[in-house]
Every structure is written in C-alpha cells, then in structure tokens.
Amino acid sequence: MLQMLCRNEVADWAKWKRVFDEYREDQEAAGLSLLQIWRETGAPQTVWLLFEVKDDARARAFMDDPKAEMHAERAGVTASAYHLVETA
C-alpha cells in the first residue's frame, strides 16, 4: 500500500485546520484519503498527516500544483515536506 507522510509547520493551528478541511474534496479528487493527523508533542505547531495514496502520479501532481502552494500560504504554513512511502 502506498502512503504519503506530510509535515506542515503552521503559524496558527485553528486557521490551518479550517483551510485544510475546506480543501478535503480536492485531496479526495487527487486520490488521497486522510488516515491520520497528529500534532507533535512539545511542538504543537508541527502537524503530521498520513494519507492513503490511490495513484502515485496524481498525488505528486496534486502536491506540486501551484494551487496547493496558494492553499498552504492561506493556511499559514511556514514550512512543509511530503514523502511517498510504502510498507517494507
């Protein structure tokens, strides 16, 4: 199973979560299903997300789309990274 692990550094958790939730349909259209959200202990402005990925190419295109960067800016993301991973 292919999954995507994302890390977002956010300025404001509540603002980030509201924008993230608004963007859910676009994530699902890209073949991403949210499995889990975590906030890092000791660093609650660090958010980790785990998605199931149905299509590698669509997931990469979604993450690399300039529209995703616009949503991240609107949500107050100050840094981010994503990694596509599979069970070993």
C-alpha atoms as a PDB file:
ATOM      1  CA  MET A   1       0.000   0.000   0.000  1.00  0.00           C
ATOM      2  CA  LEU A   2       1.320   3.425  -0.984  1.00  0.00           C
ATOM      3  CA  GLN A   3       1.001   6.209   1.558  1.00  0.00           C
ATOM      4  CA  MET A   4       2.062   9.814   1.846  1.00  0.00           C
ATOM      5  CA  LEU A   5       3.512  11.290   5.014  1.00  0.00           C
ATOM      6  CA  CYS A   6       3.361  15.101   5.205  1.00  0.00           C
ATOM      7  CA  ARG A   7       4.778  17.575   7.696  1.00  0.00           C
ATOM      8  CA  ASN A   8       3.473  21.132   7.978  1.00  0.00           C
ATOM      9  CA  GLU A   9       4.827  23.852  10.226  1.00  0.00           C
ATOM     10  CA  VAL A  10       1.890  26.179  10.851  1.00  0.00           C
ATOM     11  CA  ALA A  11       1.544  29.636  12.353  1.00  0.00           C
ATOM     12  CA  ASP A  12      -1.928  29.009  13.767  1.00  0.00           C
ATOM     13  CA  TRP A  13      -3.378  25.513  14.263  1.00  0.00           C
ATOM     14  CA  ALA A  14      -7.065  26.558  14.134  1.00  0.00           C
ATOM     15  CA  LYS A  15      -6.613  28.580  10.933  1.00  0.00           C
ATOM     16  CA  TRP A  16      -4.607  25.780   9.311  1.00  0.00           C
ATOM     17  CA  LYS A  17      -7.232  23.159  10.238  1.00  0.00           C
ATOM     18  CA  ARG A  18     -10.103  25.254   8.872  1.00  0.00           C
ATOM     19  CA  VAL A  19      -8.365  25.756   5.493  1.00  0.00           C
ATOM     20  CA  PHE A  20      -7.239  22.116   5.415  1.00  0.00           C
ATOM     21  CA  ASP A  21     -10.827  20.941   5.903  1.00  0.00           C
ATOM     22  CA  GLU A  22     -12.054  23.237   3.096  1.00  0.00           C
ATOM     23  CA  TYR A  23      -9.543  21.581   0.752  1.00  0.00           C
ATOM     24  CA  ARG A  24     -10.667  17.995   1.512  1.00  0.00           C
ATOM     25  CA  GLU A  25     -12.646  17.446  -1.711  1.00  0.00           C
ATOM     26  CA  ASP A  26      -9.615  18.399  -3.813  1.00  0.00           C
ATOM     27  CA  GLN A  27      -7.482  15.910  -1.864  1.00  0.00           C
ATOM     28  CA  GLU A  28     -10.003  13.145  -2.475  1.00  0.00           C
ATOM     29  CA  ALA A  29     -10.224  14.037  -6.182  1.00  0.00           C
ATOM     30  CA  ALA A  30      -6.443  13.556  -6.339  1.00  0.00           C
ATOM     31  CA  GLY A  31      -6.823  10.046  -4.908  1.00  0.00           C
ATOM     32  CA  LEU A  32      -5.710  10.931  -1.382  1.00  0.00           C
ATOM     33  CA  SER A  33      -7.596   9.584   1.637  1.00  0.00           C
ATOM     34  CA  LEU A  34      -6.695  11.067   5.002  1.00  0.00           C
ATOM     35  CA  LEU A  35      -5.862   8.360   7.532  1.00  0.00           C
ATOM     36  CA  GLN A  36      -4.472  10.347  10.458  1.00  0.00           C
ATOM     37  CA  ILE A  37      -3.477  13.821  11.684  1.00  0.00           C
ATOM     38  CA  TRP A  38      -1.011  14.288  14.538  1.00  0.00           C
ATOM     39  CA  ARG A  39       0.341  17.346  16.338  1.00  0.00           C
ATOM     40  CA  GLU A  40       3.880  16.943  17.558  1.00  0.00           C
ATOM     41  CA  THR A  41       4.257  16.846  21.340  1.00  0.00           C
ATOM     42  CA  GLY A  42       6.374  19.756  22.526  1.00  0.00           C
ATOM     43  CA  ALA A  43       5.853  21.483  19.148  1.00  0.00           C
ATOM     44  CA  PRO A  44       2.078  21.744  18.594  1.00  0.00           C
ATOM     45  CA  GLN A  45       2.564  23.948  15.515  1.00  0.00           C
ATOM     46  CA  THR A  46       4.122  20.937  13.753  1.00  0.00           C
ATOM     47  CA  VAL A  47       1.410  18.898  12.072  1.00  0.00           C
ATOM     48  CA  TRP A  48       1.920  15.428  10.593  1.00  0.00           C
ATOM     49  CA  LEU A  49      -0.560  13.889   8.154  1.00  0.00           C
ATOM     50  CA  LEU A  50      -0.834  10.378   6.784  1.00  0.00           C
ATOM     51  CA  PHE A  51      -2.749   9.712   3.568  1.00  0.00           C
ATOM     52  CA  GLU A  52      -3.527   6.570   1.630  1.00  0.00           C
ATOM     53  CA  VAL A  53      -2.490   7.153  -1.988  1.00  0.00           C
ATOM     54  CA  LYS A  54      -4.528   5.584  -4.772  1.00  0.00           C
ATOM     55  CA  ASP A  55      -2.371   6.901  -7.643  1.00  0.00           C
ATOM     56  CA  ASP A  56       1.275   7.965  -7.298  1.00  0.00           C
ATOM     57  CA  ALA A  57       1.272  10.307 -10.322  1.00  0.00           C
ATOM     58  CA  ARG A  58      -1.958  12.074  -9.309  1.00  0.00           C
ATOM     59  CA  ALA A  59      -0.715  12.530  -5.751  1.00  0.00           C
ATOM     60  CA  ARG A  60       2.567  14.082  -6.926  1.00  0.00           C
ATOM     61  CA  ALA A  61       0.759  16.333  -9.396  1.00  0.00           C
ATOM     62  CA  PHE A  62      -1.609  17.475  -6.650  1.00  0.00           C
ATOM     63  CA  MET A  63       1.203  18.268  -4.211  1.00  0.00           C
ATOM     64  CA  ASP A  64       3.303  20.050  -6.831  1.00  0.00           C
ATOM     65  CA  ASP A  65       0.411  22.099  -8.234  1.00  0.00           C
ATOM     66  CA  PRO A  66       0.806  25.868  -7.631  1.00  0.00           C
ATOM     67  CA  LYS A  67      -2.769  25.836  -6.270  1.00  0.00           C
ATOM     68  CA  ALA A  68      -1.551  23.686  -3.355  1.00  0.00           C
ATOM     69  CA  GLU A  69       1.053  26.313  -2.535  1.00  0.00           C
ATOM     70  CA  MET A  70      -1.641  29.016  -2.566  1.00  0.00           C
ATOM     71  CA  HIS A  71      -3.744  26.997  -0.106  1.00  0.00           C
ATOM     72  CA  ALA A  72      -0.690  26.447   2.105  1.00  0.00           C
ATOM     73  CA  GLU A  73       0.034  30.180   2.205  1.00  0.00           C
ATOM     74  CA  ARG A  74      -3.615  30.922   3.013  1.00  0.00           C
ATOM     75  CA  ALA A  75      -3.491  28.342   5.829  1.00  0.00           C
ATOM     76  CA  GLY A  76      -0.351  29.850   7.350  1.00  0.00           C
ATOM     77  CA  VAL A  77       2.034  27.001   6.508  1.00  0.00           C
ATOM     78  CA  THR A  78       5.576  28.228   7.116  1.00  0.00           C
ATOM     79  CA  ALA A  79       7.387  25.044   6.025  1.00  0.00           C
ATOM     80  CA  SER A  80       6.345  21.687   4.642  1.00  0.00           C
ATOM     81  CA  ALA A  81       7.565  18.431   3.186  1.00  0.00           C
ATOM     82  CA  TYR A  82       5.956  15.279   1.865  1.00  0.00           C
ATOM     83  CA  HIS A  83       7.213  11.764   1.254  1.00  0.00           C
ATOM     84  CA  LEU A  84       5.556   8.914  -0.608  1.00  0.00           C
ATOM     85  CA  VAL A  85       6.249   5.702   1.313  1.00  0.00           C
ATOM     86  CA  GLU A  86       5.286   2.057   1.071  1.00  0.00           C
ATOM     87  CA  THR A  87       5.216  -0.728   3.591  1.00  0.00           C
ATOM     88  CA  ALA A  88       8.536  -2.573   3.676  1.00  0.00           C
END
